[in-house]
C-alpha atoms as a PDB file:
ATOM      1  CA  TRP A   1       4.199 -21.170   0.724  1.00  0.00           C
ATOM      2  CA  GLY A   2       7.348 -19.736  -0.764  1.00  0.00           C
ATOM      3  CA  ALA A   3      10.212 -21.826  -2.136  1.00  0.00           C
ATOM      4  CA  GLY A   4      10.211 -19.802  -5.341  1.00  0.00           C
ATOM      5  CA  ALA A   5       6.473 -19.659  -5.884  1.00  0.00           C
ATOM      6  CA  TRP A   6       5.088 -16.298  -6.939  1.00  0.00           C
ATOM      7  CA  TRP A   7       8.545 -15.003  -7.796  1.00  0.00           C
ATOM      8  CA  GLY A   8       9.978 -15.579  -4.326  1.00  0.00           C
ATOM      9  CA  ASP A   9      13.589 -16.313  -3.441  1.00  0.00           C
ATOM     10  CA  SER A  10      14.003 -20.099  -3.459  1.00  0.00           C
ATOM     11  CA  GLN A  11      17.125 -20.045  -1.312  1.00  0.00           C
ATOM     12  CA  GLN A  12      15.635 -17.754   1.329  1.00  0.00           C
ATOM     13  CA  TYR A  13      12.437 -19.778   1.502  1.00  0.00           C
ATOM     14  CA  PHE A  14      14.308 -23.068   1.757  1.00  0.00           C
ATOM     15  CA  LEU A  15      16.149 -21.694   4.783  1.00  0.00           C
ATOM     16  CA  ALA A  16      12.920 -20.361   6.326  1.00  0.00           C
ATOM     17  CA  VAL A  17      11.166 -23.726   5.891  1.00  0.00           C
ATOM     18  CA  TRP A  18      14.203 -25.583   7.252  1.00  0.00           C
ATOM     19  CA  LEU A  19      14.366 -23.277  10.285  1.00  0.00           C
ATOM     20  CA  ALA A  20      10.642 -23.630  10.951  1.00  0.00           C
ATOM     21  CA  THR A  21      10.843 -27.411  10.658  1.00  0.00           C
ATOM     22  CA  SER A  22      13.744 -27.482  13.115  1.00  0.00           C
ATOM     23  CA  LEU A  23      11.490 -25.898  15.737  1.00  0.00           C
ATOM     24  CA  LEU A  24       9.052 -28.814  15.550  1.00  0.00           C
ATOM     25  CA  GLY A  25      10.087 -31.722  17.730  1.00  0.00           C
ATOM     26  CA  GLY A  26      10.419 -35.090  16.014  1.00  0.00           C
ATOM     27  CA  THR A  27       9.703 -33.728  12.529  1.00  0.00           C
ATOM     28  CA  THR A  28      11.928 -34.002   9.482  1.00  0.00           C
ATOM     29  CA  LEU A  29      11.837 -31.974   6.297  1.00  0.00           C
ATOM     30  CA  ASP A  30      11.279 -33.622   2.920  1.00  0.00           C
ATOM     31  CA  TYR A  31      12.165 -31.038   0.289  1.00  0.00           C
ATOM     32  CA  TYR A  32      11.576 -31.517  -3.424  1.00  0.00           C
ATOM     33  CA  VAL A  33      13.050 -29.314  -6.143  1.00  0.00           C
ATOM     34  CA  TYR A  34      11.122 -28.780  -9.359  1.00  0.00           C
ATOM     35  CA  ASP A  35      12.686 -27.428 -12.539  1.00  0.00           C
ATOM     36  CA  ARG A  36       9.285 -26.611 -14.071  1.00  0.00           C
ATOM     37  CA  PHE A  37       6.215 -25.171 -12.479  1.00  0.00           C
ATOM     38  CA  CYS A  38       3.731 -22.605 -13.702  1.00  0.00           C
ATOM     39  CA  GLU A  39       4.352 -19.331 -11.899  1.00  0.00           C
ATOM     40  CA  ASN A  40       8.150 -19.219 -11.677  1.00  0.00           C
ATOM     41  CA  PRO A  41       9.725 -21.803 -13.961  1.00  0.00           C
ATOM     42  CA  ALA A  42      13.149 -23.142 -12.941  1.00  0.00           C
ATOM     43  CA  ASN A  43      13.501 -20.771  -9.967  1.00  0.00           C
ATOM     44  CA  GLN A  44      14.021 -23.652  -7.545  1.00  0.00           C
ATOM     45  CA  CYS A  45      17.128 -24.601  -9.540  1.00  0.00           C
ATOM     46  CA  PHE A  46      18.893 -21.850  -7.583  1.00  0.00           C
ATOM     47  CA  VAL A  47      18.923 -24.026  -4.436  1.00  0.00           C
ATOM     48  CA  LEU A  48      21.183 -26.475  -6.297  1.00  0.00           C
ATOM     49  CA  GLY A  49      24.077 -24.051  -6.797  1.00  0.00           C
ATOM     50  CA  GLY A  50      26.897 -23.980  -9.334  1.00  0.00           C
ATOM     51  CA  GLU A  51      26.934 -26.260 -12.357  1.00  0.00           C
ATOM     52  CA  THR A  52      24.011 -28.323 -11.029  1.00  0.00           C
ATOM     53  CA  CYS A  53      21.875 -25.164 -10.924  1.00  0.00           C
ATOM     54  CA  ALA A  54      22.874 -24.240 -14.475  1.00  0.00           C
ATOM     55  CA  ALA A  55      22.092 -27.742 -15.751  1.00  0.00           C
ATOM     56  CA  CYS A  56      18.694 -27.648 -14.019  1.00  0.00           C
ATOM     57  CA  ILE A  57      17.853 -24.320 -15.682  1.00  0.00           C
ATOM     58  CA  GLU A  58      18.921 -25.681 -19.067  1.00  0.00           C
ATOM     59  CA  ARG A  59      16.795 -28.844 -18.558  1.00  0.00           C
ATOM     60  CA  SER A  60      13.731 -26.714 -17.832  1.00  0.00           C
ATOM     61  CA  GLU A  61      13.829 -25.419 -21.432  1.00  0.00           C
ATOM     62  CA  ILE A  62      12.394 -22.070 -20.347  1.00  0.00           C
ATOM     63  CA  VAL A  63      13.127 -19.341 -22.904  1.00  0.00           C
ATOM     64  CA  GLY A  64      12.456 -15.643 -23.201  1.00  0.00           C
ATOM     65  CA  SER A  65      12.253 -12.976 -20.544  1.00  0.00           C
ATOM     66  CA  ASP A  66      10.907 -15.438 -17.942  1.00  0.00           C
ATOM     67  CA  ALA A  67      13.988 -17.650 -18.158  1.00  0.00           C
ATOM     68  CA  PRO A  68      16.247 -17.581 -15.083  1.00  0.00           C
ATOM     69  CA  LEU A  69      19.820 -16.619 -15.906  1.00  0.00           C
ATOM     70  CA  THR A  70      22.403 -19.338 -15.301  1.00  0.00           C
ATOM     71  CA  GLU A  71      24.990 -16.693 -14.360  1.00  0.00           C
ATOM     72  CA  ARG A  72      22.885 -16.007 -11.260  1.00  0.00           C
ATOM     73  CA  CYS A  73      23.476 -19.527  -9.961  1.00  0.00           C
ATOM     74  CA  GLY A  74      25.478 -19.122  -6.789  1.00  0.00           C
ATOM     75  CA  ARG A  75      28.371 -21.306  -5.703  1.00  0.00           C
ATOM     76  CA  ARG A  76      26.620 -22.997  -2.779  1.00  0.00           C
ATOM     77  CA  SER A  77      23.713 -25.422  -2.718  1.00  0.00           C
ATOM     78  CA  LEU A  78      21.171 -26.591  -0.177  1.00  0.00           C
ATOM     79  CA  HIS A  79      23.526 -29.525   0.467  1.00  0.00           C
ATOM     80  CA  ASP A  80      26.229 -27.034   1.484  1.00  0.00           C
ATOM     81  CA  MET A  81      23.772 -25.322   3.837  1.00  0.00           C
ATOM     82  CA  ILE A  82      22.898 -28.622   5.469  1.00  0.00           C
ATOM     83  CA  GLN A  83      26.578 -29.475   5.872  1.00  0.00           C
ATOM     84  CA  MET A  84      27.344 -26.027   7.315  1.00  0.00           C
ATOM     85  CA  TYR A  85      24.473 -25.849   9.796  1.00  0.00           C
ATOM     86  CA  GLN A  86      23.512 -29.418  10.648  1.00  0.00           C
ATOM     87  CA  GLY A  87      23.922 -29.963  14.371  1.00  0.00           C
ATOM     88  CA  GLU A  88      23.989 -26.209  15.059  1.00  0.00           C
ATOM     89  CA  PRO A  89      21.199 -24.544  17.030  1.00  0.00           C
ATOM     90  CA  ALA A  90      18.574 -23.003  14.739  1.00  0.00           C
ATOM     91  CA  LEU A  91      19.409 -19.660  16.335  1.00  0.00           C
ATOM     92  CA  THR A  92      22.868 -19.725  14.694  1.00  0.00           C
ATOM     93  CA  LEU A  93      21.417 -19.735  11.175  1.00  0.00           C
ATOM     94  CA  TYR A  94      18.671 -17.278  12.129  1.00  0.00           C
ATOM     95  CA  GLN A  95      21.197 -14.762  13.479  1.00  0.00           C
ATOM     96  CA  GLU A  96      23.345 -15.050  10.362  1.00  0.00           C
ATOM     97  CA  LEU A  97      20.306 -14.517   8.128  1.00  0.00           C
ATOM     98  CA  LEU A  98      19.588 -11.244   9.922  1.00  0.00           C
ATOM     99  CA  HIS A  99      22.797  -9.836   8.412  1.00  0.00           C
ATOM    100  CA  VAL A 100      22.272 -10.894   4.780  1.00  0.00           C
ATOM    101  CA  ALA A 101      22.015  -7.706   2.749  1.00  0.00           C
ATOM    102  CA  GLY A 102      20.169  -9.205  -0.219  1.00  0.00           C
ATOM    103  CA  PRO A 103      20.683  -9.271  -3.980  1.00  0.00           C
ATOM    104  CA  PRO A 104      22.670  -9.474  -6.126  1.00  0.00           C
ATOM    105  CA  VAL A 105      24.507 -12.095  -4.025  1.00  0.00           C
ATOM    106  CA  GLN A 106      22.635 -15.370  -3.575  1.00  0.00           C
ATOM    107  CA  VAL A 107      21.626 -15.971   0.064  1.00  0.00           C
ATOM    108  CA  PHE A 108      23.562 -19.236   0.366  1.00  0.00           C
ATOM    109  CA  ASP A 109      26.753 -17.488  -0.780  1.00  0.00           C
ATOM    110  CA  ALA A 110      26.259 -14.609   1.687  1.00  0.00           C
ATOM    111  CA  LEU A 111      26.352 -16.873   4.758  1.00  0.00           C
ATOM    112  CA  ARG A 112      29.557 -17.530   6.739  1.00  0.00           C
END
């Protein structure tokens, strides 16, 4: 289902789920962020951005080669995305996502 599972990109999947939900009439998205889960611990922290992301990674207490790096926390969070795109047609976000080049920049930071 994405959202960081199986080593996916939590930011990209959040945006995909949000876009898909926006296409369903009368439906709202409830999105929960977990700092610990089995296959990709603390990866969802990246949707929090900045210092909140770093604190989430630290709270997860994941160590070793599987630990996400706090320096990869981008500036923007899912709250910034909502503020930037709320009220816009879904097509606006979709078209901007088509031009995101990919790592090393976090997806949220590559938009607008």
